[in-house]
PDB file of N, CA and C in Angstrom:
ATOM      1  N   UNK A   1      75.424 -33.434  47.562  1.00  0.00           N
ATOM      2  CA  UNK A   1      75.917 -33.515  49.108  1.00  0.00           C
ATOM      3  C   UNK A   1      74.434 -34.145  49.642  1.00  0.00           C
ATOM      4  N   UNK A   2      74.503 -35.097  50.683  1.00  0.00           N
ATOM      5  CA  UNK A   2      73.437 -35.829  51.517  1.00  0.00           C
ATOM      6  C   UNK A   2      72.663 -34.667  52.361  1.00  0.00           C
ATOM      7  N   UNK A   3      71.631 -34.824  52.698  1.00  0.00           N
ATOM      8  CA  UNK A   3      70.865 -34.221  53.774  1.00  0.00           C
ATOM      9  C   UNK A   3      71.467 -34.065  54.841  1.00  0.00           C
ATOM     10  N   UNK A   4      72.450 -35.246  55.107  1.00  0.00           N
ATOM     11  CA  UNK A   4      72.907 -35.364  56.433  1.00  0.00           C
ATOM     12  C   UNK A   4      74.024 -34.275  56.376  1.00  0.00           C
ATOM     13  N   UNK A   5      74.825 -34.223  55.027  1.00  0.00           N
ATOM     14  CA  UNK A   5      76.038 -33.399  55.066  1.00  0.00           C
ATOM     15  C   UNK A   5      75.461 -31.746  55.045  1.00  0.00           C
ATOM     16  N   UNK A   6      74.518 -31.547  54.437  1.00  0.00           N
ATOM     17  CA  UNK A   6      73.808 -30.292  54.542  1.00  0.00           C
ATOM     18  C   UNK A   6      73.370 -29.703  55.890  1.00  0.00           C
ATOM     19  N   UNK A   7      72.904 -30.608  56.514  1.00  0.00           N
ATOM     20  CA  UNK A   7      72.354 -30.547  57.991  1.00  0.00           C
ATOM     21  C   UNK A   7      73.395 -30.006  58.733  1.00  0.00           C
ATOM     22  N   UNK A   8      74.648 -31.015  58.842  1.00  0.00           N
ATOM     23  CA  UNK A   8      75.791 -30.707  59.507  1.00  0.00           C
ATOM     24  C   UNK A   8      76.616 -29.361  59.110  1.00  0.00           C
ATOM     25  N   UNK A   9      76.556 -28.946  58.000  1.00  0.00           N
ATOM     26  CA  UNK A   9      77.330 -27.952  57.628  1.00  0.00           C
ATOM     27  C   UNK A   9      76.914 -26.772  57.502  1.00  0.00           C
ATOM     28  N   UNK A  10      75.654 -26.471  57.433  1.00  0.00           N
ATOM     29  CA  UNK A  10      75.196 -25.122  57.250  1.00  0.00           C
ATOM     30  C   UNK A  10      74.136 -24.774  58.771  1.00  0.00           C
ATOM     31  N   UNK A  11      74.480 -23.817  59.276  1.00  0.00           N
ATOM     32  CA  UNK A  11      73.830 -23.709  60.602  1.00  0.00           C
ATOM     33  C   UNK A  11      72.326 -23.124  60.553  1.00  0.00           C
ATOM     34  N   UNK A  12      72.218 -22.495  59.245  1.00  0.00           N
ATOM     35  CA  UNK A  12      70.808 -22.133  58.978  1.00  0.00           C
ATOM     36  C   UNK A  12      69.474 -23.066  58.960  1.00  0.00           C
ATOM     37  N   UNK A  13      68.624 -22.817  59.272  1.00  0.00           N
ATOM     38  CA  UNK A  13      67.526 -23.677  59.421  1.00  0.00           C
ATOM     39  C   UNK A  13      67.045 -24.255  58.157  1.00  0.00           C
ATOM     40  N   UNK A  14      67.014 -23.305  57.149  1.00  0.00           N
ATOM     41  CA  UNK A  14      66.126 -23.993  55.831  1.00  0.00           C
ATOM     42  C   UNK A  14      67.346 -24.180  54.777  1.00  0.00           C
ATOM     43  N   UNK A  15      67.213 -25.042  53.908  1.00  0.00           N
ATOM     44  CA  UNK A  15      68.313 -25.356  53.187  1.00  0.00           C
ATOM     45  C   UNK A  15      67.591 -25.822  51.878  1.00  0.00           C
ATOM     46  N   UNK A  16      68.242 -25.550  50.655  1.00  0.00           N
ATOM     47  CA  UNK A  16      67.809 -26.122  49.252  1.00  0.00           C
ATOM     48  C   UNK A  16      68.265 -27.386  49.049  1.00  0.00           C
ATOM     49  N   UNK A  17      67.510 -28.600  48.740  1.00  0.00           N
ATOM     50  CA  UNK A  17      67.944 -29.787  48.370  1.00  0.00           C
ATOM     51  C   UNK A  17      67.550 -30.073  46.838  1.00  0.00           C
ATOM     52  N   UNK A  18      68.617 -30.137  46.184  1.00  0.00           N
ATOM     53  CA  UNK A  18      68.333 -30.329  44.622  1.00  0.00           C
ATOM     54  C   UNK A  18      68.858 -31.594  44.205  1.00  0.00           C
ATOM     55  N   UNK A  19      68.044 -32.391  43.647  1.00  0.00           N
ATOM     56  CA  UNK A  19      68.313 -33.856  43.391  1.00  0.00           C
ATOM     57  C   UNK A  19      67.961 -33.858  41.600  1.00  0.00           C
ATOM     58  N   UNK A  20      68.238 -35.215  40.895  1.00  0.00           N
ATOM     59  CA  UNK A  20      68.019 -35.622  39.717  1.00  0.00           C
ATOM     60  C   UNK A  20      66.437 -35.031  39.557  1.00  0.00           C
ATOM     61  N   UNK A  21      66.013 -33.989  38.932  1.00  0.00           N
ATOM     62  CA  UNK A  21      64.625 -33.608  38.661  1.00  0.00           C
ATOM     63  C   UNK A  21      63.654 -33.113  39.598  1.00  0.00           C
ATOM     64  N   UNK A  22      64.348 -32.677  40.666  1.00  0.00           N
ATOM     65  CA  UNK A  22      63.454 -32.043  41.547  1.00  0.00           C
ATOM     66  C   UNK A  22      64.253 -31.274  42.499  1.00  0.00           C
ATOM     67  N   UNK A  23      63.615 -30.349  42.890  1.00  0.00           N
ATOM     68  CA  UNK A  23      64.319 -29.398  43.987  1.00  0.00           C
ATOM     69  C   UNK A  23      63.131 -28.902  45.189  1.00  0.00           C
ATOM     70  N   UNK A  24      63.761 -28.813  46.417  1.00  0.00           N
ATOM     71  CA  UNK A  24      62.901 -28.498  47.606  1.00  0.00           C
ATOM     72  C   UNK A  24      63.678 -27.578  48.544  1.00  0.00           C
ATOM     73  N   UNK A  25      62.832 -26.706  49.219  1.00  0.00           N
ATOM     74  CA  UNK A  25      63.377 -26.284  50.440  1.00  0.00           C
ATOM     75  C   UNK A  25      63.041 -26.913  51.490  1.00  0.00           C
ATOM     76  N   UNK A  26      63.882 -27.213  52.296  1.00  0.00           N
ATOM     77  CA  UNK A  26      63.633 -28.170  53.645  1.00  0.00           C
ATOM     78  C   UNK A  26      63.936 -27.560  54.802  1.00  0.00           C
ATOM     79  N   UNK A  27      63.222 -27.851  55.908  1.00  0.00           N
ATOM     80  CA  UNK A  27      63.373 -27.497  57.467  1.00  0.00           C
ATOM     81  C   UNK A  27      64.451 -28.362  57.984  1.00  0.00           C
ATOM     82  N   UNK A  28      65.724 -28.171  58.307  1.00  0.00           N
ATOM     83  CA  UNK A  28      66.488 -28.878  59.089  1.00  0.00           C
ATOM     84  C   UNK A  28      66.227 -29.529  60.265  1.00  0.00           C
ATOM     85  N   UNK A  29      65.268 -28.795  61.081  1.00  0.00           N
ATOM     86  CA  UNK A  29      64.757 -29.320  62.354  1.00  0.00           C
ATOM     87  C   UNK A  29      63.841 -30.451  62.226  1.00  0.00           C
ATOM     88  N   UNK A  30      63.208 -30.606  60.990  1.00  0.00           N
ATOM     89  CA  UNK A  30      62.264 -31.546  60.668  1.00  0.00           C
ATOM     90  C   UNK A  30      62.742 -32.776  59.855  1.00  0.00           C
ATOM     91  N   UNK A  31      63.919 -32.587  59.072  1.00  0.00           N
ATOM     92  CA  UNK A  31      64.480 -33.390  58.247  1.00  0.00           C
ATOM     93  C   UNK A  31      65.258 -34.598  58.827  1.00  0.00           C
ATOM     94  N   UNK A  32      64.883 -35.915  58.400  1.00  0.00           N
ATOM     95  CA  UNK A  32      65.482 -36.928  58.781  1.00  0.00           C
ATOM     96  C   UNK A  32      66.772 -37.026  57.910  1.00  0.00           C
ATOM     97  N   UNK A  33      68.109 -36.907  58.495  1.00  0.00           N
ATOM     98  CA  UNK A  33      69.141 -36.841  57.534  1.00  0.00           C
ATOM     99  C   UNK A  33      69.573 -38.640  57.078  1.00  0.00           C
ATOM    100  N   UNK A  34      68.805 -39.395  57.565  1.00  0.00           N
ATOM    101  CA  UNK A  34      68.944 -40.735  57.100  1.00  0.00           C
ATOM    102  C   UNK A  34      68.105 -41.347  55.897  1.00  0.00           C
ATOM    103  N   UNK A  35      67.129 -40.468  55.881  1.00  0.00           N
ATOM    104  CA  UNK A  35      66.094 -40.897  54.585  1.00  0.00           C
ATOM    105  C   UNK A  35      66.689 -40.426  53.375  1.00  0.00           C
ATOM    106  N   UNK A  36      66.901 -41.213  52.339  1.00  0.00           N
ATOM    107  CA  UNK A  36      67.842 -41.215  51.065  1.00  0.00           C
ATOM    108  C   UNK A  36      66.771 -40.221  49.936  1.00  0.00           C
ATOM    109  N   UNK A  37      65.325 -40.271  50.109  1.00  0.00           N
ATOM    110  CA  UNK A  37      64.716 -39.586  49.236  1.00  0.00           C
ATOM    111  C   UNK A  37      64.220 -38.486  49.057  1.00  0.00           C
ATOM    112  N   UNK A  38      63.686 -37.790  48.151  1.00  0.00           N
ATOM    113  CA  UNK A  38      63.245 -36.397  48.298  1.00  0.00           C
ATOM    114  C   UNK A  38      61.982 -36.402  47.377  1.00  0.00           C
ATOM    115  N   UNK A  39      60.691 -36.214  48.087  1.00  0.00           N
ATOM    116  CA  UNK A  39      59.483 -36.257  47.318  1.00  0.00           C
ATOM    117  C   UNK A  39      58.682 -34.988  48.015  1.00  0.00           C
ATOM    118  N   UNK A  40      57.543 -34.770  47.378  1.00  0.00           N
ATOM    119  CA  UNK A  40      56.693 -33.474  47.825  1.00  0.00           C
ATOM    120  C   UNK A  40      56.156 -33.939  49.412  1.00  0.00           C
ATOM    121  N   UNK A  41      56.151 -34.976  49.821  1.00  0.00           N
ATOM    122  CA  UNK A  41      55.497 -35.297  51.097  1.00  0.00           C
ATOM    123  C   UNK A  41      56.566 -35.811  52.024  1.00  0.00           C
ATOM    124  N   UNK A  42      58.063 -35.563  51.551  1.00  0.00           N
ATOM    125  CA  UNK A  42      59.071 -35.963  52.561  1.00  0.00           C
ATOM    126  C   UNK A  42      58.852 -35.005  53.617  1.00  0.00           C
ATOM    127  N   UNK A  43      59.130 -35.676  54.702  1.00  0.00           N
ATOM    128  CA  UNK A  43      59.389 -34.879  56.182  1.00  0.00           C
ATOM    129  C   UNK A  43      60.340 -33.866  56.180  1.00  0.00           C
ATOM    130  N   UNK A  44      60.127 -32.735  56.485  1.00  0.00           N
ATOM    131  CA  UNK A  44      60.897 -31.355  56.301  1.00  0.00           C
ATOM    132  C   UNK A  44      60.900 -30.652  55.277  1.00  0.00           C
ATOM    133  N   UNK A  45      60.131 -31.108  53.901  1.00  0.00           N
ATOM    134  CA  UNK A  45      59.796 -30.403  52.943  1.00  0.00           C
ATOM    135  C   UNK A  45      59.028 -29.314  53.121  1.00  0.00           C
ATOM    136  N   UNK A  46      59.279 -28.007  52.796  1.00  0.00           N
ATOM    137  CA  UNK A  46      58.554 -26.918  52.852  1.00  0.00           C
ATOM    138  C   UNK A  46      57.914 -26.416  51.553  1.00  0.00           C
ATOM    139  N   UNK A  47      58.790 -26.738  50.549  1.00  0.00           N
ATOM    140  CA  UNK A  47      58.105 -26.534  49.152  1.00  0.00           C
ATOM    141  C   UNK A  47      58.754 -27.350  48.336  1.00  0.00           C
ATOM    142  N   UNK A  48      58.348 -28.047  47.181  1.00  0.00           N
ATOM    143  CA  UNK A  48      58.639 -28.737  46.261  1.00  0.00           C
ATOM    144  C   UNK A  48      58.430 -28.275  44.871  1.00  0.00           C
ATOM    145  N   UNK A  49      59.448 -28.595  44.118  1.00  0.00           N
ATOM    146  CA  UNK A  49      59.315 -28.566  42.618  1.00  0.00           C
ATOM    147  C   UNK A  49      59.630 -29.677  41.993  1.00  0.00           C
ATOM    148  N   UNK A  50      59.016 -30.009  40.912  1.00  0.00           N
ATOM    149  CA  UNK A  50      59.319 -31.407  40.042  1.00  0.00           C
ATOM    150  C   UNK A  50      59.469 -30.636  38.673  1.00  0.00           C
ATOM    151  N   UNK A  51      60.622 -31.559  38.158  1.00  0.00           N
ATOM    152  CA  UNK A  51      61.120 -31.104  36.726  1.00  0.00           C
ATOM    153  C   UNK A  51      60.306 -31.545  35.724  1.00  0.00           C
ATOM    154  N   UNK A  52      60.861 -31.625  34.721  1.00  0.00           N
ATOM    155  CA  UNK A  52      60.147 -32.298  33.558  1.00  0.00           C
ATOM    156  C   UNK A  52      61.166 -33.478  32.646  1.00  0.00           C
ATOM    157  N   UNK A  53      60.492 -34.163  32.001  1.00  0.00           N
ATOM    158  CA  UNK A  53      61.557 -35.058  31.400  1.00  0.00           C
ATOM    159  C   UNK A  53      62.081 -34.629  30.099  1.00  0.00           C
ATOM    160  N   UNK A  54      63.281 -34.706  29.749  1.00  0.00           N
ATOM    161  CA  UNK A  54      63.824 -34.051  28.580  1.00  0.00           C
ATOM    162  C   UNK A  54      64.576 -35.232  27.856  1.00  0.00           C
ATOM    163  N   UNK A  55      63.903 -35.528  26.530  1.00  0.00           N
ATOM    164  CA  UNK A  55      64.388 -36.934  26.010  1.00  0.00           C
ATOM    165  C   UNK A  55      65.718 -36.732  25.650  1.00  0.00           C
ATOM    166  N   UNK A  56      66.499 -37.882  25.405  1.00  0.00           N
ATOM    167  CA  UNK A  56      67.968 -37.708  24.952  1.00  0.00           C
ATOM    168  C   UNK A  56      68.969 -37.057  25.442  1.00  0.00           C
ATOM    169  N   UNK A  57      68.785 -36.282  26.534  1.00  0.00           N
ATOM    170  CA  UNK A  57      69.793 -35.736  27.242  1.00  0.00           C
ATOM    171  C   UNK A  57      70.069 -36.378  28.712  1.00  0.00           C
ATOM    172  N   UNK A  58      71.665 -36.279  28.966  1.00  0.00           N
ATOM    173  CA  UNK A  58      71.892 -36.906  30.157  1.00  0.00           C
ATOM    174  C   UNK A  58      71.359 -35.935  31.214  1.00  0.00           C
ATOM    175  N   UNK A  59      71.007 -36.555  32.418  1.00  0.00           N
ATOM    176  CA  UNK A  59      70.751 -35.806  33.709  1.00  0.00           C
ATOM    177  C   UNK A  59      72.047 -35.104  34.105  1.00  0.00           C
ATOM    178  N   UNK A  60      71.927 -33.907  34.294  1.00  0.00           N
ATOM    179  CA  UNK A  60      73.173 -33.112  34.763  1.00  0.00           C
ATOM    180  C   UNK A  60      73.660 -33.504  36.137  1.00  0.00           C
ATOM    181  N   UNK A  61      72.973 -34.313  36.951  1.00  0.00           N
ATOM    182  CA  UNK A  61      73.467 -34.536  38.176  1.00  0.00           C
ATOM    183  C   UNK A  61      74.268 -36.049  38.340  1.00  0.00           C
ATOM    184  N   UNK A  62      73.557 -36.997  37.667  1.00  0.00           N
ATOM    185  CA  UNK A  62      73.787 -38.447  37.703  1.00  0.00           C
ATOM    186  C   UNK A  62      74.485 -38.747  36.202  1.00  0.00           C
ATOM    187  N   UNK A  63      74.034 -38.162  35.248  1.00  0.00           N
ATOM    188  CA  UNK A  63      74.915 -38.619  33.763  1.00  0.00           C
ATOM    189  C   UNK A  63      73.754 -39.653  33.171  1.00  0.00           C
ATOM    190  N   UNK A  64      72.626 -40.029  33.855  1.00  0.00           N
ATOM    191  CA  UNK A  64      71.788 -41.199  33.389  1.00  0.00           C
ATOM    192  C   UNK A  64      71.221 -40.674  32.152  1.00  0.00           C
ATOM    193  N   UNK A  65      71.121 -41.539  31.013  1.00  0.00           N
ATOM    194  CA  UNK A  65      70.612 -41.147  29.593  1.00  0.00           C
ATOM    195  C   UNK A  65      69.462 -42.152  29.351  1.00  0.00           C
ATOM    196  N   UNK A  66      69.232 -43.398  29.925  1.00  0.00           N
ATOM    197  CA  UNK A  66      68.196 -44.168  29.284  1.00  0.00           C
ATOM    198  C   UNK A  66      67.013 -43.507  28.451  1.00  0.00           C
ATOM    199  N   UNK A  67      66.233 -43.031  29.267  1.00  0.00           N
ATOM    200  CA  UNK A  67      64.992 -42.561  28.548  1.00  0.00           C
ATOM    201  C   UNK A  67      64.692 -41.157  28.609  1.00  0.00           C
ATOM    202  N   UNK A  68      66.022 -40.392  28.701  1.00  0.00           N
ATOM    203  CA  UNK A  68      65.895 -38.947  28.879  1.00  0.00           C
ATOM    204  C   UNK A  68      66.238 -38.695  30.414  1.00  0.00           C
ATOM    205  N   UNK A  69      66.312 -37.452  30.586  1.00  0.00           N
ATOM    206  CA  UNK A  69      66.457 -36.930  32.082  1.00  0.00           C
ATOM    207  C   UNK A  69      65.584 -36.163  32.621  1.00  0.00           C
ATOM    208  N   UNK A  70      65.291 -35.987  33.866  1.00  0.00           N
ATOM    209  CA  UNK A  70      64.508 -35.177  34.622  1.00  0.00           C
ATOM    210  C   UNK A  70      65.393 -33.785  34.842  1.00  0.00           C
ATOM    211  N   UNK A  71      64.703 -32.524  34.412  1.00  0.00           N
ATOM    212  CA  UNK A  71      65.293 -31.536  34.654  1.00  0.00           C
ATOM    213  C   UNK A  71      64.407 -30.341  35.274  1.00  0.00           C
ATOM    214  N   UNK A  72      64.945 -29.613  36.130  1.00  0.00           N
ATOM    215  CA  UNK A  72      64.082 -28.507  36.998  1.00  0.00           C
ATOM    216  C   UNK A  72      64.616 -27.515  36.371  1.00  0.00           C
ATOM    217  N   UNK A  73      63.619 -26.514  35.966  1.00  0.00           N
ATOM    218  CA  UNK A  73      64.022 -25.074  35.400  1.00  0.00           C
ATOM    219  C   UNK A  73      64.693 -24.284  36.307  1.00  0.00           C
ATOM    220  N   UNK A  74      65.368 -23.480  35.452  1.00  0.00           N
ATOM    221  CA  UNK A  74      66.138 -22.438  36.252  1.00  0.00           C
ATOM    222  C   UNK A  74      65.295 -21.368  36.875  1.00  0.00           C
ATOM    223  N   UNK A  75      64.148 -21.264  36.660  1.00  0.00           N
ATOM    224  CA  UNK A  75      63.257 -20.498  37.220  1.00  0.00           C
ATOM    225  C   UNK A  75      62.872 -21.080  38.592  1.00  0.00           C
ATOM    226  N   UNK A  76      62.536 -22.328  38.675  1.00  0.00           N
ATOM    227  CA  UNK A  76      62.163 -23.017  39.839  1.00  0.00           C
ATOM    228  C   UNK A  76      63.084 -23.242  40.890  1.00  0.00           C
ATOM    229  N   UNK A  77      64.560 -23.410  40.161  1.00  0.00           N
ATOM    230  CA  UNK A  77      65.692 -23.387  41.095  1.00  0.00           C
ATOM    231  C   UNK A  77      65.852 -21.964  41.785  1.00  0.00           C
ATOM    232  N   UNK A  78      65.549 -20.959  41.159  1.00  0.00           N
ATOM    233  CA  UNK A  78      65.859 -19.610  41.616  1.00  0.00           C
ATOM    234  C   UNK A  78      64.622 -19.211  42.739  1.00  0.00           C
ATOM    235  N   UNK A  79      63.437 -19.902  42.433  1.00  0.00           N
ATOM    236  CA  UNK A  79      62.385 -19.754  43.454  1.00  0.00           C
ATOM    237  C   UNK A  79      62.604 -20.317  44.779  1.00  0.00           C
ATOM    238  N   UNK A  80      63.556 -21.633  44.591  1.00  0.00           N
ATOM    239  CA  UNK A  80      63.877 -22.244  45.818  1.00  0.00           C
ATOM    240  C   UNK A  80      64.739 -21.456  46.394  1.00  0.00           C
ATOM    241  N   UNK A  81      65.771 -20.901  45.951  1.00  0.00           N
ATOM    242  CA  UNK A  81      66.835 -20.332  46.545  1.00  0.00           C
ATOM    243  C   UNK A  81      66.280 -19.080  47.144  1.00  0.00           C
ATOM    244  N   UNK A  82      65.331 -18.426  46.441  1.00  0.00           N
ATOM    245  CA  UNK A  82      64.609 -17.143  46.853  1.00  0.00           C
ATOM    246  C   UNK A  82      63.827 -17.481  48.168  1.00  0.00           C
ATOM    247  N   UNK A  83      62.867 -18.495  48.064  1.00  0.00           N
ATOM    248  CA  UNK A  83      62.212 -18.733  49.406  1.00  0.00           C
ATOM    249  C   UNK A  83      63.131 -19.363  50.537  1.00  0.00           C
ATOM    250  N   UNK A  84      64.069 -19.978  50.213  1.00  0.00           N
ATOM    251  CA  UNK A  84      64.916 -20.322  51.338  1.00  0.00           C
ATOM    252  C   UNK A  84      65.740 -19.083  52.043  1.00  0.00           C
ATOM    253  N   UNK A  85      66.258 -18.355  51.100  1.00  0.00           N
ATOM    254  CA  UNK A  85      66.923 -17.055  51.904  1.00  0.00           C
ATOM    255  C   UNK A  85      65.760 -16.320  52.530  1.00  0.00           C
ATOM    256  N   UNK A  86      64.450 -16.171  52.115  1.00  0.00           N
ATOM    257  CA  UNK A  86      63.292 -15.356  52.877  1.00  0.00           C
ATOM    258  C   UNK A  86      63.031 -16.133  54.015  1.00  0.00           C
ATOM    259  N   UNK A  87      62.836 -17.459  54.142  1.00  0.00           N
ATOM    260  CA  UNK A  87      62.787 -18.147  55.335  1.00  0.00           C
ATOM    261  C   UNK A  87      63.870 -18.152  56.588  1.00  0.00           C
ATOM    262  N   UNK A  88      65.142 -17.966  55.826  1.00  0.00           N
ATOM    263  CA  UNK A  88      66.044 -17.995  56.865  1.00  0.00           C
ATOM    264  C   UNK A  88      66.180 -16.405  57.477  1.00  0.00           C
ATOM    265  N   UNK A  89      65.851 -15.545  56.724  1.00  0.00           N
ATOM    266  CA  UNK A  89      65.945 -14.155  57.077  1.00  0.00           C
ATOM    267  C   UNK A  89      64.702 -14.040  58.223  1.00  0.00           C
ATOM    268  N   UNK A  90      63.752 -14.662  57.961  1.00  0.00           N
ATOM    269  CA  UNK A  90      62.642 -14.575  58.985  1.00  0.00           C
ATOM    270  C   UNK A  90      62.950 -15.049  60.220  1.00  0.00           C
ATOM    271  N   UNK A  91      63.388 -16.360  60.080  1.00  0.00           N
ATOM    272  CA  UNK A  91      64.076 -17.063  61.348  1.00  0.00           C
ATOM    273  C   UNK A  91      65.281 -16.174  62.110  1.00  0.00           C
ATOM    274  N   UNK A  92      65.781 -15.732  61.583  1.00  0.00           N
ATOM    275  CA  UNK A  92      67.162 -14.813  62.213  1.00  0.00           C
ATOM    276  C   UNK A  92      66.164 -13.527  62.874  1.00  0.00           C
ATOM    277  N   UNK A  93      65.506 -12.948  62.122  1.00  0.00           N
ATOM    278  CA  UNK A  93      64.799 -11.850  62.999  1.00  0.00           C
ATOM    279  C   UNK A  93      64.009 -12.492  63.937  1.00  0.00           C
ATOM    280  N   UNK A  94      63.481 -13.513  64.111  1.00  0.00           N
ATOM    281  CA  UNK A  94      62.626 -14.168  65.136  1.00  0.00           C
ATOM    282  C   UNK A  94      63.638 -14.542  66.291  1.00  0.00           C
ATOM    283  N   UNK A  95      64.718 -15.019  65.987  1.00  0.00           N
ATOM    284  CA  UNK A  95      65.747 -15.276  66.761  1.00  0.00           C
ATOM    285  C   UNK A  95      66.098 -14.045  67.655  1.00  0.00           C
ATOM    286  N   UNK A  96      66.563 -12.957  66.868  1.00  0.00           N
ATOM    287  CA  UNK A  96      66.910 -11.946  67.393  1.00  0.00           C
ATOM    288  C   UNK A  96      65.716 -11.024  68.300  1.00  0.00           C
ATOM    289  N   UNK A  97      64.672 -11.203  67.914  1.00  0.00           N
ATOM    290  CA  UNK A  97      63.375 -10.565  68.737  1.00  0.00           C
ATOM    291  C   UNK A  97      63.294 -11.292  70.094  1.00  0.00           C
ATOM    292  N   UNK A  98      63.573 -12.723  69.924  1.00  0.00           N
ATOM    293  CA  UNK A  98      63.531 -13.370  71.154  1.00  0.00           C
ATOM    294  C   UNK A  98      64.535 -13.349  72.165  1.00  0.00           C
ATOM    295  N   UNK A  99      65.510 -12.622  71.974  1.00  0.00           N
ATOM    296  CA  UNK A  99      66.577 -12.335  72.916  1.00  0.00           C
ATOM    297  C   UNK A  99      66.438 -11.440  73.976  1.00  0.00           C
TER     298      UNK A  99
END
């Protein structure tokens, strides 16, 4: 799913963007939906995790095998999901308090 599709599909401010070898929590209000990359310094990235290369295994996302594949640990993916949920919960409370 592209950043544009995530931004348009989910109403919450923060979302998890998972790619080949990296995962990040992003702020949809700062994210450029037309920028195709995902890096630690990409606009809208709140927190970024980078995977490690695993030789001889295909990438679970794109199937690329040439020199191994980048994999993000289950722990890092879970940390991203947890942070995203926490930030969205704080955002909901902030919105309720401002009413």
